[in-house]
Amino acid sequence: MKRKFLVPLILGLAVTSVTAHEQMKGEQSNSHHHHKTVMISENQPVPSIDLVVYEDSLKGWNLEIKLDNFEFAPEMVNEENELNKGHAHLYINGEKITRIYGNWYYLGSLPSGRNEIKVGLNTNSHESLMYQGKLIEDVEVIDVK
């Protein structure tokens, strides 16, 4: 009699274990696209970003990242957050491409068509900065023929 209950119990545990593992895997694979956020409070200087894109005379595009109330601090990456210091994340067409640690970045090529270039500000520990419910970022669109 005990064997009749043991087989379904083992199968049920195996299915539950596989399902939980798949859910955890999905959460892990999506976690790098959905960073936590840090809200800038009203009583501190609010960072701002202005992304300017220049077509390079030979090939590609040069991105200039103009900042107010924010300082790039590559030497502090992955360390404790410090007010208005950190790095930026570069996204092209919604896909995170790289971290940026300075005010200029060269893009060698883009696919044909409409390309959305976004740069957002992040803390040393990679949280996206927000002010009044909006991410602190700037977006430019480049049409490539």
Protein backbone atom coordinates (compact mmCIF):
# COMPACT_ATOMS: atom_id res chain seq x y z
CA MET A 1 0.00 0.00 0.00
CA LYS A 2 2.82 2.43 0.82
CA ARG A 3 4.44 1.88 -2.60
CA LYS A 4 1.30 3.13 -4.40
CA PHE A 5 1.68 6.51 -2.70
CA LEU A 6 5.47 6.65 -2.94
CA VAL A 7 5.69 6.70 -6.77
CA PRO A 8 3.23 9.63 -7.27
CA LEU A 9 4.94 11.48 -4.43
CA ILE A 10 8.38 11.11 -6.04
CA LEU A 11 7.03 12.13 -9.47
CA GLY A 12 5.27 15.14 -7.94
CA LEU A 13 8.45 16.27 -6.20
CA ALA A 14 10.47 15.86 -9.40
CA VAL A 15 8.02 17.96 -11.43
CA THR A 16 7.91 20.63 -8.72
CA SER A 17 11.70 20.73 -8.58
CA VAL A 18 12.05 21.12 -12.37
CA THR A 19 9.36 23.84 -12.45
CA ALA A 20 11.05 25.78 -9.63
CA HIS A 21 14.42 25.45 -11.34
CA GLU A 22 13.01 26.77 -14.64
CA GLN A 23 11.39 29.73 -12.87
CA MET A 24 14.66 30.58 -11.11
CA LYS A 25 16.56 30.31 -14.39
CA GLY A 26 14.10 32.69 -16.05
CA GLU A 27 14.41 35.19 -13.23
CA GLN A 28 18.19 35.04 -13.41
CA SER A 29 18.29 35.52 -17.18
CA ASN A 30 15.99 38.56 -16.94
CA SER A 31 17.66 40.11 -13.90
CA HIS A 32 20.42 41.83 -15.85
CA HIS A 33 17.84 43.68 -17.92
CA HIS A 34 15.80 44.90 -14.96
CA HIS A 35 18.05 46.76 -12.57
CA LYS A 36 16.89 47.95 -9.21
CA THR A 37 16.44 51.68 -8.85
CA VAL A 38 17.58 54.42 -6.50
CA MET A 39 15.31 57.44 -6.12
CA ILE A 40 16.97 60.85 -5.97
CA SER A 41 15.29 62.77 -3.17
CA GLU A 42 14.05 66.34 -3.42
CA ASN A 43 16.73 67.64 -1.06
CA GLN A 44 19.76 66.48 -3.07
CA PRO A 45 21.23 67.68 -6.39
CA VAL A 46 19.40 65.99 -9.26
CA PRO A 47 21.68 64.48 -11.94
CA SER A 48 20.86 65.14 -15.58
CA ILE A 49 22.16 63.70 -18.82
CA ASP A 50 22.21 65.01 -22.38
CA LEU A 51 23.23 62.51 -25.07
CA VAL A 52 24.58 64.09 -28.25
CA VAL A 53 25.35 61.91 -31.28
CA TYR A 54 27.83 63.00 -33.95
CA GLU A 55 28.31 61.05 -37.17
CA ASP A 56 32.00 60.20 -37.47
CA SER A 57 33.61 61.53 -40.67
CA LEU A 58 35.12 58.09 -41.45
CA LYS A 59 32.71 55.55 -40.03
CA GLY A 60 30.27 55.14 -37.13
CA TRP A 61 29.11 57.61 -34.51
CA ASN A 62 30.64 59.43 -31.57
CA LEU A 63 28.47 59.73 -28.48
CA GLU A 64 29.02 62.67 -26.15
CA ILE A 65 27.49 62.34 -22.70
CA LYS A 66 26.98 65.72 -21.06
CA LEU A 67 26.29 65.53 -17.32
CA ASP A 68 25.19 67.80 -14.51
CA ASN A 69 25.35 66.79 -10.85
CA PHE A 70 26.86 63.40 -11.70
CA GLU A 71 30.43 62.14 -11.83
CA PHE A 72 31.76 59.03 -13.54
CA ALA A 73 33.60 56.92 -10.94
CA PRO A 74 34.94 53.76 -12.63
CA GLU A 75 37.32 53.15 -9.75
CA MET A 76 34.27 52.66 -7.49
CA VAL A 77 32.28 50.19 -9.62
CA ASN A 78 30.71 47.36 -7.58
CA GLU A 79 31.44 49.25 -4.35
CA GLU A 80 29.17 51.09 -1.94
CA ASN A 81 27.10 53.85 -3.54
CA GLU A 82 28.18 57.43 -3.17
CA LEU A 83 25.85 60.34 -3.88
CA ASN A 84 25.69 61.16 -7.63
CA LYS A 85 28.66 59.00 -8.63
CA GLY A 86 28.69 55.90 -10.79
CA HIS A 87 28.60 54.94 -14.45
CA ALA A 88 26.20 54.78 -17.38
CA HIS A 89 24.63 51.91 -19.30
CA LEU A 90 24.37 52.03 -23.09
CA TYR A 91 21.34 50.46 -24.76
CA ILE A 92 20.81 50.09 -28.50
CA ASN A 93 17.28 49.23 -29.58
CA GLY A 94 16.43 48.14 -26.05
CA GLU A 95 19.41 45.80 -25.61
CA LYS A 96 22.08 46.60 -23.07
CA ILE A 97 25.42 46.86 -24.87
CA THR A 98 27.94 47.98 -22.27
CA ARG A 99 28.83 50.13 -19.30
CA ILE A 100 30.24 53.60 -19.96
CA TYR A 101 32.80 55.17 -17.62
CA GLY A 102 33.47 58.48 -19.38
CA ASN A 103 31.91 61.30 -21.38
CA TRP A 104 32.69 59.94 -24.86
CA TYR A 105 31.96 56.60 -26.51
CA TYR A 106 32.54 55.45 -30.12
CA LEU A 107 29.93 53.31 -31.89
CA GLY A 108 31.44 51.58 -34.92
CA SER A 109 28.32 50.33 -36.64
CA LEU A 110 24.56 50.09 -36.38
CA PRO A 111 22.05 48.03 -38.34
CA SER A 112 20.15 49.64 -41.20
CA GLY A 113 16.95 51.44 -40.27
CA ARG A 114 15.83 53.25 -37.14
CA ASN A 115 18.10 52.78 -34.11
CA GLU A 116 17.28 54.00 -30.60
CA ILE A 117 20.39 54.87 -28.60
CA LYS A 118 19.79 55.25 -24.86
CA VAL A 119 22.22 56.08 -22.07
CA GLY A 120 21.06 55.85 -18.44
CA LEU A 121 22.82 56.79 -15.21
CA ASN A 122 23.60 54.12 -12.62
CA THR A 123 25.02 53.87 -9.13
CA ASN A 124 28.30 52.14 -8.31
CA SER A 125 26.32 48.98 -7.58
CA HIS A 126 24.36 49.23 -10.86
CA GLU A 127 20.97 50.53 -9.70
CA SER A 128 19.32 52.85 -12.21
CA LEU A 129 18.91 56.42 -10.95
CA MET A 130 15.38 57.88 -10.86
CA TYR A 131 13.90 61.26 -10.07
CA GLN A 132 10.17 61.88 -9.61
CA GLY A 133 9.38 58.40 -10.92
CA LYS A 134 11.40 58.74 -14.16
CA LEU A 135 14.69 57.10 -15.03
CA ILE A 136 17.55 59.54 -15.48
CA GLU A 137 18.46 58.81 -19.09
CA ASP A 138 18.51 60.33 -22.54
CA VAL A 139 17.56 58.84 -25.89
CA GLU A 140 18.54 59.72 -29.44
CA VAL A 141 17.38 58.08 -32.66
CA ILE A 142 19.74 57.42 -35.56
CA ASP A 143 18.39 56.46 -38.98
CA VAL A 144 20.92 54.35 -40.86
CA LYS A 145 20.52 53.99 -44.61
